[in-house]
N, C-alpha and C. Protein backbone atom coordinates (compact mmCIF):
# COMPACT_ATOMS: atom_id res chain seq x y z
N MET A 1 94.08 69.89 61.25
CA MET A 1 93.45 71.16 61.58
C MET A 1 92.91 71.78 60.30
N ALA A 2 91.66 71.63 60.11
CA ALA A 2 91.01 72.06 58.89
C ALA A 2 90.84 73.58 58.85
N GLU A 3 91.01 74.16 57.65
CA GLU A 3 90.76 75.60 57.44
C GLU A 3 89.33 75.80 57.07
N LYS A 4 88.48 75.96 58.06
CA LYS A 4 87.06 76.17 57.84
C LYS A 4 86.53 77.18 58.82
N GLU A 5 85.24 77.48 58.70
CA GLU A 5 84.66 78.45 59.64
C GLU A 5 84.48 77.85 61.02
N VAL A 6 84.98 78.55 62.02
CA VAL A 6 84.88 78.13 63.42
C VAL A 6 84.40 79.28 64.26
N ARG A 7 83.39 79.04 65.09
CA ARG A 7 82.91 80.04 65.98
C ARG A 7 83.91 80.33 67.09
N LEU A 8 83.88 81.55 67.63
CA LEU A 8 84.80 81.96 68.69
C LEU A 8 84.72 81.07 69.91
N ASP A 9 83.49 80.78 70.35
CA ASP A 9 83.37 79.95 71.55
C ASP A 9 83.92 78.57 71.37
N LYS A 10 83.73 78.02 70.18
CA LYS A 10 84.24 76.70 69.86
C LYS A 10 85.77 76.70 69.77
N TRP A 11 86.33 77.75 69.16
CA TRP A 11 87.78 77.84 69.04
C TRP A 11 88.43 77.97 70.41
N LEU A 12 87.87 78.81 71.31
CA LEU A 12 88.43 78.98 72.65
C LEU A 12 88.39 77.65 73.40
N TRP A 13 87.34 76.89 73.22
CA TRP A 13 87.23 75.58 73.85
C TRP A 13 88.26 74.60 73.26
N ALA A 14 88.43 74.59 71.91
CA ALA A 14 89.36 73.70 71.28
C ALA A 14 90.80 74.06 71.61
N ALA A 15 91.07 75.36 71.80
CA ALA A 15 92.42 75.78 72.19
C ALA A 15 92.68 75.65 73.68
N ARG A 16 91.74 75.11 74.41
CA ARG A 16 91.87 74.78 75.83
C ARG A 16 92.00 76.01 76.73
N PHE A 17 91.40 77.12 76.36
CA PHE A 17 91.38 78.28 77.25
C PHE A 17 90.30 78.13 78.31
N TYR A 18 89.23 77.44 77.92
CA TYR A 18 88.12 77.18 78.84
C TYR A 18 87.76 75.72 78.77
N LYS A 19 87.32 75.17 79.91
CA LYS A 19 87.06 73.73 80.01
C LYS A 19 85.84 73.30 79.22
N THR A 20 84.81 74.15 79.16
CA THR A 20 83.58 73.80 78.44
C THR A 20 83.20 74.97 77.51
N ARG A 21 82.41 74.64 76.52
CA ARG A 21 81.92 75.68 75.62
C ARG A 21 80.98 76.61 76.33
N SER A 22 80.23 76.14 77.27
CA SER A 22 79.32 77.03 78.03
C SER A 22 80.10 78.05 78.85
N ILE A 23 81.23 77.64 79.36
CA ILE A 23 82.10 78.62 80.14
C ILE A 23 82.68 79.61 79.14
N ALA A 24 83.12 79.16 78.00
CA ALA A 24 83.63 80.06 76.98
C ALA A 24 82.55 81.06 76.55
N LYS A 25 81.36 80.58 76.39
CA LYS A 25 80.22 81.44 75.99
C LYS A 25 79.96 82.50 77.07
N ALA A 26 79.99 82.08 78.33
CA ALA A 26 79.75 83.03 79.44
C ALA A 26 80.83 84.09 79.51
N MET A 27 82.08 83.71 79.28
CA MET A 27 83.18 84.67 79.31
C MET A 27 83.11 85.69 78.15
N ILE A 28 82.70 85.22 76.98
CA ILE A 28 82.54 86.11 75.86
C ILE A 28 81.38 87.08 76.11
N GLU A 29 80.26 86.57 76.62
CA GLU A 29 79.11 87.43 76.83
C GLU A 29 79.35 88.43 77.95
N SER A 30 80.20 88.11 78.92
CA SER A 30 80.48 89.04 80.01
C SER A 30 81.55 90.05 79.65
N GLY A 31 82.08 90.00 78.44
CA GLY A 31 83.05 90.99 77.96
C GLY A 31 84.50 90.69 78.35
N LYS A 32 84.82 89.48 78.73
CA LYS A 32 86.16 89.12 79.10
C LYS A 32 86.98 88.70 77.90
N VAL A 33 86.39 88.61 76.75
CA VAL A 33 87.10 88.26 75.50
C VAL A 33 86.90 89.36 74.47
N HIS A 34 88.01 89.88 73.92
CA HIS A 34 87.94 90.86 72.88
C HIS A 34 88.60 90.33 71.64
N TYR A 35 87.95 90.55 70.52
CA TYR A 35 88.45 90.06 69.22
C TYR A 35 88.86 91.28 68.41
N ASN A 36 90.10 91.39 68.05
CA ASN A 36 90.67 92.53 67.34
C ASN A 36 90.30 93.84 68.05
N ASN A 37 90.48 93.89 69.36
CA ASN A 37 90.23 95.08 70.21
C ASN A 37 88.82 95.54 70.24
N GLN A 38 87.90 94.62 69.96
CA GLN A 38 86.45 94.94 70.08
C GLN A 38 85.76 93.82 70.87
N ARG A 39 84.76 94.19 71.60
CA ARG A 39 84.04 93.21 72.37
C ARG A 39 83.38 92.22 71.38
N ALA A 40 83.53 90.95 71.67
CA ALA A 40 83.15 89.91 70.69
C ALA A 40 81.77 89.31 71.06
N LYS A 41 81.20 88.69 70.04
CA LYS A 41 79.97 87.88 70.25
C LYS A 41 80.34 86.42 70.12
N VAL A 42 79.52 85.56 70.71
CA VAL A 42 79.79 84.13 70.78
C VAL A 42 79.86 83.53 69.35
N SER A 43 79.05 84.02 68.45
CA SER A 43 78.95 83.42 67.14
C SER A 43 79.97 83.97 66.16
N LYS A 44 80.87 84.82 66.60
CA LYS A 44 81.88 85.44 65.75
C LYS A 44 82.72 84.35 65.07
N ILE A 45 82.87 84.46 63.77
CA ILE A 45 83.71 83.50 63.05
C ILE A 45 85.17 83.96 63.13
N VAL A 46 86.05 83.13 63.65
CA VAL A 46 87.44 83.52 63.84
C VAL A 46 88.24 83.36 62.55
N GLU A 47 89.25 84.15 62.39
CA GLU A 47 90.11 84.12 61.21
C GLU A 47 91.58 83.99 61.67
N VAL A 48 92.37 83.34 60.85
CA VAL A 48 93.79 83.21 61.12
C VAL A 48 94.42 84.59 61.08
N GLY A 49 95.26 84.92 62.06
CA GLY A 49 95.93 86.21 62.12
C GLY A 49 95.21 87.21 63.02
N ALA A 50 94.02 86.89 63.48
CA ALA A 50 93.28 87.79 64.34
C ALA A 50 93.90 87.84 65.77
N MET A 51 93.71 88.94 66.45
CA MET A 51 94.23 89.08 67.80
C MET A 51 93.11 88.93 68.79
N LEU A 52 93.36 88.20 69.86
CA LEU A 52 92.39 88.01 70.94
C LEU A 52 93.02 88.52 72.23
N LYS A 53 92.18 89.18 73.02
CA LYS A 53 92.60 89.58 74.37
C LYS A 53 91.57 88.95 75.32
N LEU A 54 92.06 88.12 76.21
CA LEU A 54 91.12 87.47 77.14
C LEU A 54 91.63 87.43 78.57
N ARG A 55 90.68 87.45 79.50
CA ARG A 55 91.02 87.40 80.92
C ARG A 55 90.66 86.02 81.47
N GLN A 56 91.60 85.50 82.23
CA GLN A 56 91.37 84.22 82.95
C GLN A 56 91.79 84.45 84.41
N GLY A 57 90.80 84.67 85.25
CA GLY A 57 91.11 84.99 86.65
C GLY A 57 91.78 86.32 86.72
N ASN A 58 92.99 86.37 87.30
CA ASN A 58 93.77 87.63 87.39
C ASN A 58 94.65 87.84 86.19
N GLU A 59 94.73 86.94 85.29
CA GLU A 59 95.63 87.03 84.17
C GLU A 59 94.96 87.55 82.93
N GLU A 60 95.66 88.40 82.17
CA GLU A 60 95.11 88.87 80.89
C GLU A 60 96.13 88.47 79.84
N LYS A 61 95.62 87.82 78.80
CA LYS A 61 96.49 87.30 77.72
C LYS A 61 96.10 87.91 76.41
N GLU A 62 97.11 88.25 75.67
CA GLU A 62 96.97 88.73 74.25
C GLU A 62 97.55 87.63 73.35
N ILE A 63 96.71 87.14 72.49
CA ILE A 63 97.17 86.00 71.63
C ILE A 63 96.84 86.28 70.18
N LYS A 64 97.59 85.66 69.32
CA LYS A 64 97.35 85.72 67.87
C LYS A 64 96.93 84.33 67.41
N ILE A 65 95.85 84.26 66.67
CA ILE A 65 95.36 83.01 66.13
C ILE A 65 96.22 82.56 64.99
N ILE A 66 96.80 81.36 65.08
CA ILE A 66 97.68 80.82 64.06
C ILE A 66 96.95 79.74 63.19
N ALA A 67 96.10 78.98 63.82
CA ALA A 67 95.36 77.92 63.08
C ALA A 67 93.98 77.81 63.65
N LEU A 68 93.10 77.15 62.85
CA LEU A 68 91.70 76.97 63.28
C LEU A 68 91.45 75.49 63.55
N SER A 69 90.63 75.25 64.54
CA SER A 69 90.17 73.87 64.84
C SER A 69 88.89 73.94 65.63
N ASP A 70 88.02 73.01 65.34
CA ASP A 70 86.78 72.95 66.16
C ASP A 70 86.72 71.66 66.96
N GLN A 71 87.87 70.97 67.02
CA GLN A 71 87.93 69.73 67.81
C GLN A 71 88.92 69.92 68.95
N ARG A 72 88.55 69.51 70.13
CA ARG A 72 89.41 69.63 71.29
C ARG A 72 90.44 68.48 71.31
N ARG A 73 91.69 68.84 71.31
CA ARG A 73 92.75 67.82 71.31
C ARG A 73 93.60 67.98 72.60
N GLY A 74 94.69 67.28 72.64
CA GLY A 74 95.60 67.39 73.80
C GLY A 74 96.25 68.76 73.85
N ALA A 75 96.77 69.10 75.03
CA ALA A 75 97.36 70.42 75.26
C ALA A 75 98.50 70.77 74.34
N PRO A 76 99.42 69.86 74.04
CA PRO A 76 100.51 70.21 73.10
C PRO A 76 99.99 70.60 71.73
N GLU A 77 98.97 69.86 71.27
CA GLU A 77 98.38 70.17 69.97
C GLU A 77 97.55 71.43 69.98
N ALA A 78 96.91 71.70 71.09
CA ALA A 78 96.08 72.91 71.23
C ALA A 78 96.97 74.15 71.23
N GLN A 79 98.18 74.08 71.79
CA GLN A 79 99.07 75.21 71.83
C GLN A 79 99.55 75.63 70.43
N LEU A 80 99.43 74.73 69.47
CA LEU A 80 99.81 75.09 68.09
C LEU A 80 98.75 75.99 67.40
N LEU A 81 97.61 76.18 68.01
CA LEU A 81 96.58 77.00 67.43
C LEU A 81 96.79 78.50 67.61
N TYR A 82 97.63 78.87 68.56
CA TYR A 82 97.83 80.29 68.89
C TYR A 82 99.23 80.58 69.32
N GLN A 83 99.57 81.86 69.38
CA GLN A 83 100.84 82.34 69.89
C GLN A 83 100.60 83.55 70.76
N GLU A 84 101.10 83.48 71.97
CA GLU A 84 100.92 84.65 72.90
C GLU A 84 101.98 85.70 72.53
N THR A 85 101.59 86.94 72.57
CA THR A 85 102.53 88.06 72.21
C THR A 85 103.59 88.20 73.30
N GLU A 86 104.75 88.75 72.87
CA GLU A 86 105.87 88.96 73.81
C GLU A 86 105.48 89.83 74.93
N SER A 87 104.76 90.92 74.62
CA SER A 87 104.40 91.89 75.68
C SER A 87 103.45 91.24 76.68
N SER A 88 102.58 90.38 76.22
CA SER A 88 101.64 89.70 77.13
C SER A 88 102.38 88.77 78.07
N VAL A 89 103.34 88.03 77.58
CA VAL A 89 104.11 87.10 78.36
C VAL A 89 104.88 87.90 79.43
N LYS A 90 105.55 88.99 79.01
CA LYS A 90 106.35 89.81 79.92
C LYS A 90 105.47 90.41 81.02
N LYS A 91 104.29 90.94 80.65
CA LYS A 91 103.39 91.53 81.62
C LYS A 91 102.89 90.49 82.62
N ARG A 92 102.57 89.28 82.18
CA ARG A 92 102.11 88.22 83.07
C ARG A 92 103.24 87.80 84.06
N GLU A 93 104.47 87.74 83.56
CA GLU A 93 105.61 87.36 84.42
C GLU A 93 105.85 88.44 85.47
N GLU A 94 105.73 89.73 85.09
CA GLU A 94 105.94 90.82 86.08
C GLU A 94 104.84 90.80 87.13
N ILE A 95 103.61 90.55 86.74
CA ILE A 95 102.51 90.47 87.71
C ILE A 95 102.72 89.28 88.65
N ALA A 96 103.12 88.14 88.11
CA ALA A 96 103.37 86.96 88.93
C ALA A 96 104.50 87.23 89.96
N TRP A 97 105.53 87.91 89.50
CA TRP A 97 106.65 88.26 90.35
C TRP A 97 106.21 89.21 91.51
N ALA A 98 105.39 90.21 91.13
CA ALA A 98 104.89 91.17 92.08
C ALA A 98 103.97 90.48 93.10
N ARG A 99 103.18 89.51 92.68
CA ARG A 99 102.35 88.77 93.58
C ARG A 99 103.13 88.00 94.64
N LYS A 100 104.32 87.52 94.24
CA LYS A 100 105.18 86.78 95.15
C LYS A 100 105.82 87.77 96.19
N ILE A 101 106.12 88.97 95.77
CA ILE A 101 106.85 89.91 96.59
C ILE A 101 105.90 90.64 97.59
N ILE A 102 104.68 90.84 97.23
CA ILE A 102 103.74 91.65 98.08
C ILE A 102 103.69 91.15 99.54
N PRO A 103 103.55 89.86 99.80
CA PRO A 103 103.48 89.44 101.21
C PRO A 103 104.69 89.91 102.07
N PHE A 104 105.85 90.01 101.45
CA PHE A 104 107.05 90.45 102.19
C PHE A 104 107.03 91.97 102.40
N GLN A 105 106.40 92.70 101.54
CA GLN A 105 106.34 94.17 101.70
C GLN A 105 105.23 94.62 102.62
N CYS A 106 104.18 93.84 102.75
CA CYS A 106 103.03 94.23 103.54
C CYS A 106 102.75 93.13 104.56
N PRO A 107 103.50 93.11 105.68
CA PRO A 107 103.24 92.06 106.66
C PRO A 107 101.85 92.19 107.26
N ILE A 108 101.30 91.06 107.56
CA ILE A 108 99.94 91.01 108.13
C ILE A 108 100.02 91.38 109.63
N LEU A 109 99.21 92.35 110.04
CA LEU A 109 99.15 92.78 111.39
C LEU A 109 98.19 91.83 112.17
N ILE A 110 98.71 91.16 113.15
CA ILE A 110 97.91 90.27 113.93
C ILE A 110 97.30 91.05 115.09
N VAL A 111 96.00 91.09 115.14
CA VAL A 111 95.32 91.82 116.15
C VAL A 111 94.51 90.83 117.01
N ALA A 112 94.72 90.81 118.31
CA ALA A 112 94.00 89.95 119.19
C ALA A 112 93.80 90.66 120.52
N GLN A 113 92.71 90.45 121.13
CA GLN A 113 92.39 91.05 122.44
C GLN A 113 92.20 89.91 123.45
N THR A 114 92.70 90.21 124.67
CA THR A 114 92.45 89.24 125.73
C THR A 114 91.24 89.73 126.52
N LYS A 115 90.62 88.82 127.21
CA LYS A 115 89.46 89.17 127.99
C LYS A 115 89.81 90.13 129.16
N LYS A 116 90.98 89.84 129.77
CA LYS A 116 91.33 90.60 130.98
C LYS A 116 91.77 92.03 130.64
N SER A 117 92.75 92.15 129.78
CA SER A 117 93.39 93.43 129.57
C SER A 117 92.85 94.25 128.40
N GLY A 118 92.27 93.58 127.43
CA GLY A 118 91.79 94.30 126.26
C GLY A 118 92.94 94.81 125.41
N GLU A 119 94.17 94.29 125.63
CA GLU A 119 95.31 94.73 124.88
C GLU A 119 95.32 94.18 123.50
N ILE A 120 95.94 94.92 122.62
CA ILE A 120 96.09 94.51 121.22
C ILE A 120 97.52 94.08 121.01
N TYR A 121 97.73 92.90 120.49
CA TYR A 121 99.06 92.42 120.20
C TYR A 121 99.43 92.62 118.79
């Protein structure tokens, strides 16, 4: 993992947050990626120790950049490029737990009418 200049879109792709560089570029341009609490540009040069906040679907992650790489490697090696903050992990676990509980708290009301009676069940 060379210590050289790496663009933000290329680093996100190498760290396996997004499957392609074009998806990484689209996410950055749409404002779903923040670099040191500021909206980032695709060509931003990343630095070791910088903080990233990114959204992936319903999940929001806060990560610290530990190493730089512009080559996409296997997942175990890609995880060595960053470290997710404790608060981010805790928040994601709470949201995942809440998502599991919601169906039990809000049962789905089944509404159906018959042709004869027009009753609702």
